[in-house]
Amino acid sequence: MDIDDLRGYCLSKPYTSEGFPFDNDTLVFKVAEKIFGLVGLDNTPLSINLKCDPERAVELREQHEAIIPGYHMNKQHWNTVVLDGSLPRPLVLELIDQSYSLVYCSLPQKTRSMLEGW
């Protein structure tokens, strides 16, 4: 998965925006101003930090060498997913979906209602 593919998939999520709030090398994906993904553009291989259920985060780290505790993040809730080709594409997409869902579902009901146009 390259940056264009990764970026396109993240931006396909409803109410998603992207930006560089920290520096010129860290692309951040947000839903309603809450981060669900961070990509270090200068990392080789490419990697993305994704939010994860704490129990599943540990399980994934044990099963896959390319999934490690979130770099510069709360290690309990975030994983760094290294896109070195060792992880199946469907798993990477599932992890992006889960990160988005965790963040979206944590938004206040009022915010979700505003986003959904209610």
PDB file of N, CA and C in Angstrom:
ATOM      1  N   MET A   1       0.857  -1.175   0.000  1.00  0.00           N
ATOM      2  CA  MET A   1       0.000   0.000   0.000  1.00  0.00           C
ATOM      3  C   MET A   1       0.900   1.234   0.000  1.00  0.00           C
ATOM      4  N   ASP A   2       0.680   2.122  -0.941  1.00  0.00           N
ATOM      5  CA  ASP A   2       1.473   3.341  -1.002  1.00  0.00           C
ATOM      6  C   ASP A   2       0.677   4.511  -0.417  1.00  0.00           C
ATOM      7  N   ILE A   3       1.294   5.669  -0.361  1.00  0.00           N
ATOM      8  CA  ILE A   3       0.668   6.828   0.282  1.00  0.00           C
ATOM      9  C   ILE A   3      -0.607   7.257  -0.439  1.00  0.00           C
ATOM     10  N   ASP A   4      -0.627   7.176  -1.758  1.00  0.00           N
ATOM     11  CA  ASP A   4      -1.827   7.585  -2.489  1.00  0.00           C
ATOM     12  C   ASP A   4      -3.010   6.667  -2.170  1.00  0.00           C
ATOM     13  N   ASP A   5      -2.746   5.373  -2.121  1.00  0.00           N
ATOM     14  CA  ASP A   5      -3.778   4.392  -1.790  1.00  0.00           C
ATOM     15  C   ASP A   5      -4.263   4.598  -0.355  1.00  0.00           C
ATOM     16  N   LEU A   6      -3.324   4.750   0.560  1.00  0.00           N
ATOM     17  CA  LEU A   6      -3.646   4.952   1.972  1.00  0.00           C
ATOM     18  C   LEU A   6      -4.451   6.241   2.161  1.00  0.00           C
ATOM     19  N   ARG A   7      -3.997   7.299   1.561  1.00  0.00           N
ATOM     20  CA  ARG A   7      -4.662   8.599   1.662  1.00  0.00           C
ATOM     21  C   ARG A   7      -6.078   8.531   1.088  1.00  0.00           C
ATOM     22  N   GLY A   8      -6.211   7.921  -0.079  1.00  0.00           N
ATOM     23  CA  GLY A   8      -7.519   7.803  -0.715  1.00  0.00           C
ATOM     24  C   GLY A   8      -8.506   7.035   0.141  1.00  0.00           C
ATOM     25  N   TYR A   9      -8.030   5.961   0.760  1.00  0.00           N
ATOM     26  CA  TYR A   9      -8.923   5.158   1.592  1.00  0.00           C
ATOM     27  C   TYR A   9      -9.350   5.941   2.838  1.00  0.00           C
ATOM     28  N   CYS A  10      -8.406   6.585   3.495  1.00  0.00           N
ATOM     29  CA  CYS A  10      -8.749   7.363   4.697  1.00  0.00           C
ATOM     30  C   CYS A  10      -9.728   8.483   4.362  1.00  0.00           C
ATOM     31  N   LEU A  11      -9.505   9.156   3.244  1.00  0.00           N
ATOM     32  CA  LEU A  11     -10.382  10.262   2.871  1.00  0.00           C
ATOM     33  C   LEU A  11     -11.748   9.798   2.382  1.00  0.00           C
ATOM     34  N   SER A  12     -11.891   8.513   2.091  1.00  0.00           N
ATOM     35  CA  SER A  12     -13.194   7.993   1.675  1.00  0.00           C
ATOM     36  C   SER A  12     -14.149   7.848   2.859  1.00  0.00           C
ATOM     37  N   LYS A  13     -13.629   7.946   4.068  1.00  0.00           N
ATOM     38  CA  LYS A  13     -14.453   7.857   5.266  1.00  0.00           C
ATOM     39  C   LYS A  13     -15.266   9.150   5.407  1.00  0.00           C
ATOM     40  N   PRO A  14     -16.544   9.037   5.781  1.00  0.00           N
ATOM     41  CA  PRO A  14     -17.384  10.234   5.912  1.00  0.00           C
ATOM     42  C   PRO A  14     -16.817  11.244   6.919  1.00  0.00           C
ATOM     43  N   TYR A  15     -16.955  12.517   6.560  1.00  0.00           N
ATOM     44  CA  TYR A  15     -16.613  13.639   7.449  1.00  0.00           C
ATOM     45  C   TYR A  15     -15.122  13.693   7.784  1.00  0.00           C
ATOM     46  N   THR A  16     -14.284  13.149   6.913  1.00  0.00           N
ATOM     47  CA  THR A  16     -12.845  13.096   7.164  1.00  0.00           C
ATOM     48  C   THR A  16     -12.139  14.280   6.527  1.00  0.00           C
ATOM     49  N   SER A  17     -11.165  14.803   7.257  1.00  0.00           N
ATOM     50  CA  SER A  17     -10.299  15.852   6.724  1.00  0.00           C
ATOM     51  C   SER A  17      -8.849  15.428   6.946  1.00  0.00           C
ATOM     52  N   GLU A  18      -7.954  16.103   6.257  1.00  0.00           N
ATOM     53  CA  GLU A  18      -6.535  15.820   6.404  1.00  0.00           C
ATOM     54  C   GLU A  18      -5.787  17.131   6.580  1.00  0.00           C
ATOM     55  N   GLY A  19      -4.606  17.028   7.154  1.00  0.00           N
ATOM     56  CA  GLY A  19      -3.796  18.223   7.334  1.00  0.00           C
ATOM     57  C   GLY A  19      -2.452  17.890   7.944  1.00  0.00           C
ATOM     58  N   PHE A  20      -1.680  18.953   8.178  1.00  0.00           N
ATOM     59  CA  PHE A  20      -0.346  18.835   8.758  1.00  0.00           C
ATOM     60  C   PHE A  20      -0.248  19.732   9.992  1.00  0.00           C
ATOM     61  N   PRO A  21      -0.965  19.397  11.075  1.00  0.00           N
ATOM     62  CA  PRO A  21      -0.981  20.270  12.248  1.00  0.00           C
ATOM     63  C   PRO A  21       0.319  20.271  13.057  1.00  0.00           C
ATOM     64  N   PHE A  22       1.164  19.267  12.887  1.00  0.00           N
ATOM     65  CA  PHE A  22       2.362  19.144  13.719  1.00  0.00           C
ATOM     66  C   PHE A  22       3.629  19.568  12.992  1.00  0.00           C
ATOM     67  N   ASP A  23       3.792  19.116  11.761  1.00  0.00           N
ATOM     68  CA  ASP A  23       4.965  19.431  10.956  1.00  0.00           C
ATOM     69  C   ASP A  23       4.651  19.095   9.503  1.00  0.00           C
ATOM     70  N   ASN A  24       5.618  19.276   8.624  1.00  0.00           N
ATOM     71  CA  ASN A  24       5.389  19.032   7.197  1.00  0.00           C
ATOM     72  C   ASN A  24       5.517  17.567   6.801  1.00  0.00           C
ATOM     73  N   ASP A  25       5.873  16.702   7.741  1.00  0.00           N
ATOM     74  CA  ASP A  25       6.098  15.296   7.431  1.00  0.00           C
ATOM     75  C   ASP A  25       5.061  14.356   8.042  1.00  0.00           C
ATOM     76  N   THR A  26       4.153  14.873   8.856  1.00  0.00           N
ATOM     77  CA  THR A  26       3.162  14.017   9.518  1.00  0.00           C
ATOM     78  C   THR A  26       1.770  14.378   9.019  1.00  0.00           C
ATOM     79  N   LEU A  27       1.251  13.532   8.135  1.00  0.00           N
ATOM     80  CA  LEU A  27      -0.085  13.719   7.591  1.00  0.00           C
ATOM     81  C   LEU A  27      -1.091  13.156   8.588  1.00  0.00           C
ATOM     82  N   VAL A  28      -2.078  13.966   8.961  1.00  0.00           N
ATOM     83  CA  VAL A  28      -3.049  13.599   9.987  1.00  0.00           C
ATOM     84  C   VAL A  28      -4.443  13.524   9.372  1.00  0.00           C
ATOM     85  N   PHE A  29      -5.148  12.439   9.685  1.00  0.00           N
ATOM     86  CA  PHE A  29      -6.538  12.269   9.264  1.00  0.00           C
ATOM     87  C   PHE A  29      -7.433  12.427  10.482  1.00  0.00           C
ATOM     88  N   LYS A  30      -8.485  13.247  10.326  1.00  0.00           N
ATOM     89  CA  LYS A  30      -9.381  13.548  11.437  1.00  0.00           C
ATOM     90  C   LYS A  30     -10.828  13.361  11.019  1.00  0.00           C
ATOM     91  N   VAL A  31     -11.648  13.049  12.006  1.00  0.00           N
ATOM     92  CA  VAL A  31     -13.092  13.119  11.854  1.00  0.00           C
ATOM     93  C   VAL A  31     -13.562  14.087  12.935  1.00  0.00           C
ATOM     94  N   ALA A  32     -14.207  15.175  12.505  1.00  0.00           N
ATOM     95  CA  ALA A  32     -14.679  16.210  13.438  1.00  0.00           C
ATOM     96  C   ALA A  32     -13.567  16.658  14.378  1.00  0.00           C
ATOM     97  N   GLU A  33     -12.410  16.920  13.832  1.00  0.00           N
ATOM     98  CA  GLU A  33     -11.246  17.431  14.570  1.00  0.00           C
ATOM     99  C   GLU A  33     -10.630  16.437  15.546  1.00  0.00           C
ATOM    100  N   LYS A  34     -11.035  15.178  15.494  1.00  0.00           N
ATOM    101  CA  LYS A  34     -10.439  14.132  16.327  1.00  0.00           C
ATOM    102  C   LYS A  34      -9.601  13.222  15.428  1.00  0.00           C
ATOM    103  N   ILE A  35      -8.372  12.987  15.816  1.00  0.00           N
ATOM    104  CA  ILE A  35      -7.432  12.215  15.007  1.00  0.00           C
ATOM    105  C   ILE A  35      -7.782  10.726  15.027  1.00  0.00           C
ATOM    106  N   PHE A  36      -7.790  10.120  13.834  1.00  0.00           N
ATOM    107  CA  PHE A  36      -7.916   8.661  13.761  1.00  0.00           C
ATOM    108  C   PHE A  36      -6.745   8.019  13.022  1.00  0.00           C
ATOM    109  N   GLY A  37      -5.880   8.817  12.417  1.00  0.00           N
ATOM    110  CA  GLY A  37      -4.715   8.268  11.737  1.00  0.00           C
ATOM    111  C   GLY A  37      -3.626   9.301  11.558  1.00  0.00           C
ATOM    112  N   LEU A  38      -2.385   8.866  11.717  1.00  0.00           N
ATOM    113  CA  LEU A  38      -1.220   9.727  11.500  1.00  0.00           C
ATOM    114  C   LEU A  38      -0.219   8.955  10.651  1.00  0.00           C
ATOM    115  N   VAL A  39       0.260   9.591   9.591  1.00  0.00           N
ATOM    116  CA  VAL A  39       1.204   8.947   8.681  1.00  0.00           C
ATOM    117  C   VAL A  39       2.492   9.754   8.658  1.00  0.00           C
ATOM    118  N   GLY A  40       3.604   9.104   8.967  1.00  0.00           N
ATOM    119  CA  GLY A  40       4.917   9.737   8.846  1.00  0.00           C
ATOM    120  C   GLY A  40       5.384   9.624   7.405  1.00  0.00           C
ATOM    121  N   LEU A  41       5.282  10.708   6.646  1.00  0.00           N
ATOM    122  CA  LEU A  41       5.596  10.659   5.226  1.00  0.00           C
ATOM    123  C   LEU A  41       7.069  10.389   4.950  1.00  0.00           C
ATOM    124  N   ASP A  42       7.916  10.680   5.914  1.00  0.00           N
ATOM    125  CA  ASP A  42       9.350  10.450   5.707  1.00  0.00           C
ATOM    126  C   ASP A  42       9.795   9.073   6.200  1.00  0.00           C
ATOM    127  N   ASN A  43       8.852   8.248   6.679  1.00  0.00           N
ATOM    128  CA  ASN A  43       9.193   6.900   7.158  1.00  0.00           C
ATOM    129  C   ASN A  43       9.333   5.933   5.991  1.00  0.00           C
ATOM    130  N   THR A  44      10.366   5.127   6.041  1.00  0.00           N
ATOM    131  CA  THR A  44      10.551   4.050   5.071  1.00  0.00           C
ATOM    132  C   THR A  44      10.786   2.777   5.843  1.00  0.00           C
ATOM    133  N   PRO A  45       9.913   1.792   5.722  1.00  0.00           N
ATOM    134  CA  PRO A  45       8.676   1.812   4.949  1.00  0.00           C
ATOM    135  C   PRO A  45       7.632   2.724   5.587  1.00  0.00           C
ATOM    136  N   LEU A  46       6.631   3.030   4.793  1.00  0.00           N
ATOM    137  CA  LEU A  46       5.525   3.862   5.245  1.00  0.00           C
ATOM    138  C   LEU A  46       4.837   3.214   6.444  1.00  0.00           C
ATOM    139  N   SER A  47       4.361   4.029   7.379  1.00  0.00           N
ATOM    140  CA  SER A  47       3.625   3.498   8.522  1.00  0.00           C
ATOM    141  C   SER A  47       2.509   4.468   8.890  1.00  0.00           C
ATOM    142  N   ILE A  48       1.518   3.933   9.593  1.00  0.00           N
ATOM    143  CA  ILE A  48       0.385   4.748  10.042  1.00  0.00           C
ATOM    144  C   ILE A  48       0.056   4.381  11.477  1.00  0.00           C
ATOM    145  N   ASN A  49      -0.190   5.396  12.293  1.00  0.00           N
ATOM    146  CA  ASN A  49      -0.660   5.181  13.662  1.00  0.00           C
ATOM    147  C   ASN A  49      -2.178   5.154  13.630  1.00  0.00           C
ATOM    148  N   LEU A  50      -2.752   4.102  14.248  1.00  0.00           N
ATOM    149  CA  LEU A  50      -4.201   3.928  14.263  1.00  0.00           C
ATOM    150  C   LEU A  50      -4.678   3.601  15.666  1.00  0.00           C
ATOM    151  N   LYS A  51      -5.813   4.157  16.012  1.00  0.00           N
ATOM    152  CA  LYS A  51      -6.429   3.856  17.307  1.00  0.00           C
ATOM    153  C   LYS A  51      -6.951   2.424  17.282  1.00  0.00           C
ATOM    154  N   CYS A  52      -6.928   1.765  18.450  1.00  0.00           N
ATOM    155  CA  CYS A  52      -7.335   0.364  18.515  1.00  0.00           C
ATOM    156  C   CYS A  52      -7.865   0.057  19.908  1.00  0.00           C
ATOM    157  N   ASP A  53      -8.795  -0.859  19.988  1.00  0.00           N
ATOM    158  CA  ASP A  53      -9.257  -1.367  21.265  1.00  0.00           C
ATOM    159  C   ASP A  53      -8.046  -1.932  22.008  1.00  0.00           C
ATOM    160  N   PRO A  54      -7.851  -1.588  23.284  1.00  0.00           N
ATOM    161  CA  PRO A  54      -6.650  -2.010  24.008  1.00  0.00           C
ATOM    162  C   PRO A  54      -6.378  -3.516  23.980  1.00  0.00           C
ATOM    163  N   GLU A  55      -7.390  -4.334  24.158  1.00  0.00           N
ATOM    164  CA  GLU A  55      -7.165  -5.787  24.141  1.00  0.00           C
ATOM    165  C   GLU A  55      -6.755  -6.267  22.752  1.00  0.00           C
ATOM    166  N   ARG A  56      -7.416  -5.740  21.752  1.00  0.00           N
ATOM    167  CA  ARG A  56      -7.082  -6.138  20.376  1.00  0.00           C
ATOM    168  C   ARG A  56      -5.703  -5.619  19.992  1.00  0.00           C
ATOM    169  N   ALA A  57      -5.326  -4.444  20.496  1.00  0.00           N
ATOM    170  CA  ALA A  57      -4.012  -3.882  20.182  1.00  0.00           C
ATOM    171  C   ALA A  57      -2.908  -4.845  20.588  1.00  0.00           C
ATOM    172  N   VAL A  58      -3.010  -5.390  21.787  1.00  0.00           N
ATOM    173  CA  VAL A  58      -2.013  -6.343  22.278  1.00  0.00           C
ATOM    174  C   VAL A  58      -2.024  -7.606  21.431  1.00  0.00           C
ATOM    175  N   GLU A  59      -3.204  -8.103  21.132  1.00  0.00           N
ATOM    176  CA  GLU A  59      -3.354  -9.314  20.322  1.00  0.00           C
ATOM    177  C   GLU A  59      -2.700  -9.134  18.946  1.00  0.00           C
ATOM    178  N   LEU A  60      -2.956  -7.996  18.311  1.00  0.00           N
ATOM    179  CA  LEU A  60      -2.381  -7.730  16.991  1.00  0.00           C
ATOM    180  C   LEU A  60      -0.858  -7.662  17.042  1.00  0.00           C
ATOM    181  N   ARG A  61      -0.328  -7.040  18.087  1.00  0.00           N
ATOM    182  CA  ARG A  61       1.130  -6.936  18.232  1.00  0.00           C
ATOM    183  C   ARG A  61       1.771  -8.307  18.390  1.00  0.00           C
ATOM    184  N   GLU A  62       1.071  -9.195  19.090  1.00  0.00           N
ATOM    185  CA  GLU A  62       1.594 -10.548  19.281  1.00  0.00           C
ATOM    186  C   GLU A  62       1.557 -11.357  17.989  1.00  0.00           C
ATOM    187  N   GLN A  63       0.608 -11.073  17.123  1.00  0.00           N
ATOM    188  CA  GLN A  63       0.415 -11.852  15.898  1.00  0.00           C
ATOM    189  C   GLN A  63       1.227 -11.337  14.712  1.00  0.00           C
ATOM    190  N   HIS A  64       1.554 -10.034  14.713  1.00  0.00           N
ATOM    191  CA  HIS A  64       2.176  -9.429  13.528  1.00  0.00           C
ATOM    192  C   HIS A  64       3.384  -8.566  13.924  1.00  0.00           C
ATOM    193  N   GLU A  65       4.526  -8.868  13.364  1.00  0.00           N
ATOM    194  CA  GLU A  65       5.725  -8.073  13.638  1.00  0.00           C
ATOM    195  C   GLU A  65       5.590  -6.642  13.136  1.00  0.00           C
ATOM    196  N   ALA A  66       4.756  -6.432  12.118  1.00  0.00           N
ATOM    197  CA  ALA A  66       4.591  -5.107  11.523  1.00  0.00           C
ATOM    198  C   ALA A  66       3.596  -4.231  12.284  1.00  0.00           C
ATOM    199  N   ILE A  67       3.075  -4.720  13.408  1.00  0.00           N
ATOM    200  CA  ILE A  67       2.184  -3.921  14.248  1.00  0.00           C
ATOM    201  C   ILE A  67       2.850  -3.794  15.612  1.00  0.00           C
ATOM    202  N   ILE A  68       3.174  -2.551  15.953  1.00  0.00           N
ATOM    203  CA  ILE A  68       3.908  -2.267  17.181  1.00  0.00           C
ATOM    204  C   ILE A  68       3.172  -1.191  17.983  1.00  0.00           C
ATOM    205  N   PRO A  69       3.546  -1.005  19.253  1.00  0.00           N
ATOM    206  CA  PRO A  69       2.907   0.069  20.031  1.00  0.00           C
ATOM    207  C   PRO A  69       3.038   1.417  19.317  1.00  0.00           C
ATOM    208  N   GLY A  70       1.999   2.233  19.416  1.00  0.00           N
ATOM    209  CA  GLY A  70       1.941   3.510  18.707  1.00  0.00           C
ATOM    210  C   GLY A  70       3.107   4.433  19.023  1.00  0.00           C
ATOM    211  N   TYR A  71       3.840   4.797  18.008  1.00  0.00           N
ATOM    212  CA  TYR A  71       4.982   5.705  18.133  1.00  0.00           C
ATOM    213  C   TYR A  71       4.484   7.092  18.548  1.00  0.00           C
ATOM    214  N   HIS A  72       5.015   7.613  19.636  1.00  0.00           N
ATOM    215  CA  HIS A  72       4.640   8.932  20.181  1.00  0.00           C
ATOM    216  C   HIS A  72       3.163   9.030  20.546  1.00  0.00           C
ATOM    217  N   MET A  73       2.524   7.886  20.868  1.00  0.00           N
ATOM    218  CA  MET A  73       1.103   7.876  21.191  1.00  0.00           C
ATOM    219  C   MET A  73       0.898   7.081  22.479  1.00  0.00           C
ATOM    220  N   ASN A  74      -0.322   7.098  22.998  1.00  0.00           N
ATOM    221  CA  ASN A  74      -0.676   6.265  24.139  1.00  0.00           C
ATOM    222  C   ASN A  74      -0.603   4.812  23.675  1.00  0.00           C
ATOM    223  N   LYS A  75       0.358   4.084  24.183  1.00  0.00           N
ATOM    224  CA  LYS A  75       0.631   2.718  23.717  1.00  0.00           C
ATOM    225  C   LYS A  75      -0.514   1.753  24.011  1.00  0.00           C
ATOM    226  N   GLN A  76      -1.380   2.092  24.941  1.00  0.00           N
ATOM    227  CA  GLN A  76      -2.512   1.230  25.255  1.00  0.00           C
ATOM    228  C   GLN A  76      -3.578   1.304  24.163  1.00  0.00           C
ATOM    229  N   HIS A  77      -3.743   2.478  23.552  1.00  0.00           N
ATOM    230  CA  HIS A  77      -4.848   2.706  22.627  1.00  0.00           C
ATOM    231  C   HIS A  77      -4.433   2.876  21.167  1.00  0.00           C
ATOM    232  N   TRP A  78      -3.140   2.932  20.895  1.00  0.00           N
ATOM    233  CA  TRP A  78      -2.678   3.199  19.530  1.00  0.00           C
ATOM    234  C   TRP A  78      -1.629   2.179  19.098  1.00  0.00           C
ATOM    235  N   ASN A  79      -1.711   1.789  17.842  1.00  0.00           N
ATOM    236  CA  ASN A  79      -0.707   0.936  17.220  1.00  0.00           C
ATOM    237  C   ASN A  79      -0.074   1.670  16.048  1.00  0.00           C
ATOM    238  N   THR A  80       1.192   1.390  15.802  1.00  0.00           N
ATOM    239  CA  THR A  80       1.828   1.794  14.564  1.00  0.00           C
ATOM    240  C   THR A  80       1.797   0.580  13.649  1.00  0.00           C
ATOM    241  N   VAL A  81       1.226   0.771  12.474  1.00  0.00           N
ATOM    242  CA  VAL A  81       1.112  -0.296  11.490  1.00  0.00           C
ATOM    243  C   VAL A  81       2.130   0.001  10.388  1.00  0.00           C
ATOM    244  N   VAL A  82       3.139  -0.848  10.297  1.00  0.00           N
ATOM    245  CA  VAL A  82       4.207  -0.674   9.313  1.00  0.00           C
ATOM    246  C   VAL A  82       3.757  -1.324   8.012  1.00  0.00           C
ATOM    247  N   LEU A  83       3.730  -0.532   6.946  1.00  0.00           N
ATOM    248  CA  LEU A  83       3.234  -1.005   5.658  1.00  0.00           C
ATOM    249  C   LEU A  83       4.399  -1.511   4.808  1.00  0.00           C
ATOM    250  N   ASP A  84       4.993  -2.596   5.280  1.00  0.00           N
ATOM    251  CA  ASP A  84       6.156  -3.175   4.614  1.00  0.00           C
ATOM    252  C   ASP A  84       5.791  -4.313   3.670  1.00  0.00           C
ATOM    253  N   GLY A  85       4.494  -4.525   3.464  1.00  0.00           N
ATOM    254  CA  GLY A  85       4.032  -5.573   2.575  1.00  0.00           C
ATOM    255  C   GLY A  85       3.749  -6.896   3.270  1.00  0.00           C
ATOM    256  N   SER A  86       4.054  -6.988   4.554  1.00  0.00           N
ATOM    257  CA  SER A  86       3.851  -8.253   5.262  1.00  0.00           C
ATOM    258  C   SER A  86       2.412  -8.440   5.751  1.00  0.00           C
ATOM    259  N   LEU A  87       1.665  -7.361   5.840  1.00  0.00           N
ATOM    260  CA  LEU A  87       0.275  -7.449   6.308  1.00  0.00           C
ATOM    261  C   LEU A  87      -0.674  -7.518   5.116  1.00  0.00           C
ATOM    262  N   PRO A  88      -1.677  -8.368   5.184  1.00  0.00           N
ATOM    263  CA  PRO A  88      -2.662  -8.415   4.097  1.00  0.00           C
ATOM    264  C   PRO A  88      -3.416  -7.080   3.999  1.00  0.00           C
ATOM    265  N   ARG A  89      -3.643  -6.639   2.779  1.00  0.00           N
ATOM    266  CA  ARG A  89      -4.360  -5.385   2.551  1.00  0.00           C
ATOM    267  C   ARG A  89      -5.695  -5.339   3.293  1.00  0.00           C
ATOM    268  N   PRO A  90      -6.509  -6.421   3.258  1.00  0.00           N
ATOM    269  CA  PRO A  90      -7.781  -6.364   3.988  1.00  0.00           C
ATOM    270  C   PRO A  90      -7.608  -6.091   5.486  1.00  0.00           C
ATOM    271  N   LEU A  91      -6.537  -6.576   6.088  1.00  0.00           N
ATOM    272  CA  LEU A  91      -6.291  -6.313   7.508  1.00  0.00           C
ATOM    273  C   LEU A  91      -5.985  -4.839   7.723  1.00  0.00           C
ATOM    274  N   VAL A  92      -5.158  -4.262   6.879  1.00  0.00           N
ATOM    275  CA  VAL A  92      -4.824  -2.834   7.006  1.00  0.00           C
ATOM    276  C   VAL A  92      -6.092  -1.992   6.877  1.00  0.00           C
ATOM    277  N   LEU A  93      -6.924  -2.299   5.895  1.00  0.00           N
ATOM    278  CA  LEU A  93      -8.173  -1.546   5.709  1.00  0.00           C
ATOM    279  C   LEU A  93      -9.101  -1.723   6.907  1.00  0.00           C
ATOM    280  N   GLU A  94      -9.159  -2.932   7.442  1.00  0.00           N
ATOM    281  CA  GLU A  94      -9.974  -3.192   8.635  1.00  0.00           C
ATOM    282  C   GLU A  94      -9.485  -2.364   9.821  1.00  0.00           C
ATOM    283  N   LEU A  95      -8.169  -2.245   9.983  1.00  0.00           N
ATOM    284  CA  LEU A  95      -7.619  -1.473  11.099  1.00  0.00           C
ATOM    285  C   LEU A  95      -7.902   0.016  10.940  1.00  0.00           C
ATOM    286  N   ILE A  96      -7.879   0.504   9.706  1.00  0.00           N
ATOM    287  CA  ILE A  96      -8.249   1.903   9.451  1.00  0.00           C
ATOM    288  C   ILE A  96      -9.723   2.095   9.788  1.00  0.00           C
ATOM    289  N   ASP A  97     -10.569   1.165   9.330  1.00  0.00           N
ATOM    290  CA  ASP A  97     -12.005   1.244   9.614  1.00  0.00           C
ATOM    291  C   ASP A  97     -12.265   1.271  11.118  1.00  0.00           C
ATOM    292  N   GLN A  98     -11.581   0.405  11.859  1.00  0.00           N
ATOM    293  CA  GLN A  98     -11.786   0.332  13.300  1.00  0.00           C
ATOM    294  C   GLN A  98     -11.333   1.607  13.994  1.00  0.00           C
ATOM    295  N   SER A  99     -10.215   2.156  13.560  1.00  0.00           N
ATOM    296  CA  SER A  99      -9.733   3.398  14.161  1.00  0.00           C
ATOM    297  C   SER A  99     -10.755   4.518  13.933  1.00  0.00           C
ATOM    298  N   TYR A 100     -11.208   4.647  12.701  1.00  0.00           N
ATOM    299  CA  TYR A 100     -12.214   5.653  12.371  1.00  0.00           C
ATOM    300  C   TYR A 100     -13.461   5.460  13.231  1.00  0.00           C
ATOM    301  N   SER A 101     -13.935   4.222  13.307  1.00  0.00           N
ATOM    302  CA  SER A 101     -15.155   3.924  14.053  1.00  0.00           C
ATOM    303  C   SER A 101     -15.009   4.238  15.535  1.00  0.00           C
ATOM    304  N   LEU A 102     -13.877   3.870  16.125  1.00  0.00           N
ATOM    305  CA  LEU A 102     -13.648   4.174  17.540  1.00  0.00           C
ATOM    306  C   LEU A 102     -13.701   5.677  17.799  1.00  0.00           C
ATOM    307  N   VAL A 103     -13.081   6.440  16.925  1.00  0.00           N
ATOM    308  CA  VAL A 103     -13.059   7.894  17.108  1.00  0.00           C
ATOM    309  C   VAL A 103     -14.439   8.481  16.848  1.00  0.00           C
ATOM    310  N   TYR A 104     -15.077   8.068  15.761  1.00  0.00           N
ATOM    311  CA  TYR A 104     -16.395   8.598  15.433  1.00  0.00           C
ATOM    312  C   TYR A 104     -17.406   8.305  16.540  1.00  0.00           C
ATOM    313  N   CYS A 105     -17.411   7.091  17.029  1.00  0.00           N
ATOM    314  CA  CYS A 105     -18.364   6.701  18.079  1.00  0.00           C
ATOM    315  C   CYS A 105     -18.102   7.399  19.410  1.00  0.00           C
ATOM    316  N   SER A 106     -16.882   7.898  19.596  1.00  0.00           N
ATOM    317  CA  SER A 106     -16.561   8.611  20.834  1.00  0.00           C
ATOM    318  C   SER A 106     -16.963  10.084  20.778  1.00  0.00           C
ATOM    319  N   LEU A 107     -17.371  10.558  19.603  1.00  0.00           N
ATOM    320  CA  LEU A 107     -17.796  11.952  19.477  1.00  0.00           C
ATOM    321  C   LEU A 107     -19.103  12.160  20.233  1.00  0.00           C
ATOM    322  N   PRO A 108     -19.289  13.336  20.787  1.00  0.00           N
ATOM    323  CA  PRO A 108     -20.573  13.622  21.444  1.00  0.00           C
ATOM    324  C   PRO A 108     -21.730  13.485  20.449  1.00  0.00           C
ATOM    325  N   GLN A 109     -22.864  13.080  20.946  1.00  0.00           N
ATOM    326  CA  GLN A 109     -24.038  12.897  20.090  1.00  0.00           C
ATOM    327  C   GLN A 109     -24.366  14.175  19.322  1.00  0.00           C
ATOM    328  N   LYS A 110     -24.211  15.308  19.952  1.00  0.00           N
ATOM    329  CA  LYS A 110     -24.497  16.592  19.304  1.00  0.00           C
ATOM    330  C   LYS A 110     -23.597  16.783  18.084  1.00  0.00           C
ATOM    331  N   THR A 111     -22.325  16.442  18.217  1.00  0.00           N
ATOM    332  CA  THR A 111     -21.383  16.574  17.101  1.00  0.00           C
ATOM    333  C   THR A 111     -21.756  15.622  15.974  1.00  0.00           C
ATOM    334  N   ARG A 112     -22.066  14.371  16.320  1.00  0.00           N
ATOM    335  CA  ARG A 112     -22.462  13.401  15.294  1.00  0.00           C
ATOM    336  C   ARG A 112     -23.736  13.848  14.579  1.00  0.00           C
ATOM    337  N   SER A 113     -24.677  14.386  15.326  1.00  0.00           N
ATOM    338  CA  SER A 113     -25.921  14.862  14.723  1.00  0.00           C
ATOM    339  C   SER A 113     -25.657  16.012  13.775  1.00  0.00           C
ATOM    340  N   MET A 114     -24.767  16.919  14.148  1.00  0.00           N
ATOM    341  CA  MET A 114     -24.413  18.035  13.264  1.00  0.00           C
ATOM    342  C   MET A 114     -23.760  17.519  11.988  1.00  0.00           C
ATOM    343  N   LEU A 115     -22.849  16.565  12.112  1.00  0.00           N
ATOM    344  CA  LEU A 115     -22.186  16.013  10.944  1.00  0.00           C
ATOM    345  C   LEU A 115     -23.178  15.334  10.011  1.00  0.00           C
ATOM    346  N   GLU A 116     -24.112  14.637  10.595  1.00  0.00           N
ATOM    347  CA  GLU A 116     -25.076  13.869   9.807  1.00  0.00           C
ATOM    348  C   GLU A 116     -26.247  14.711   9.321  1.00  0.00           C
ATOM    349  N   GLY A 117     -26.228  16.006   9.676  1.00  0.00           N
ATOM    350  CA  GLY A 117     -27.243  16.913   9.172  1.00  0.00           C
ATOM    351  C   GLY A 117     -28.608  16.779   9.824  1.00  0.00           C
ATOM    352  N   TRP A 118     -28.643  16.334  11.065  1.00  0.00           N
ATOM    353  CA  TRP A 118     -29.929  16.185  11.762  1.00  0.00           C
ATOM    354  C   TRP A 118     -30.339  17.481  12.384  1.00  0.00           C
TER     355      TRP A 118
END
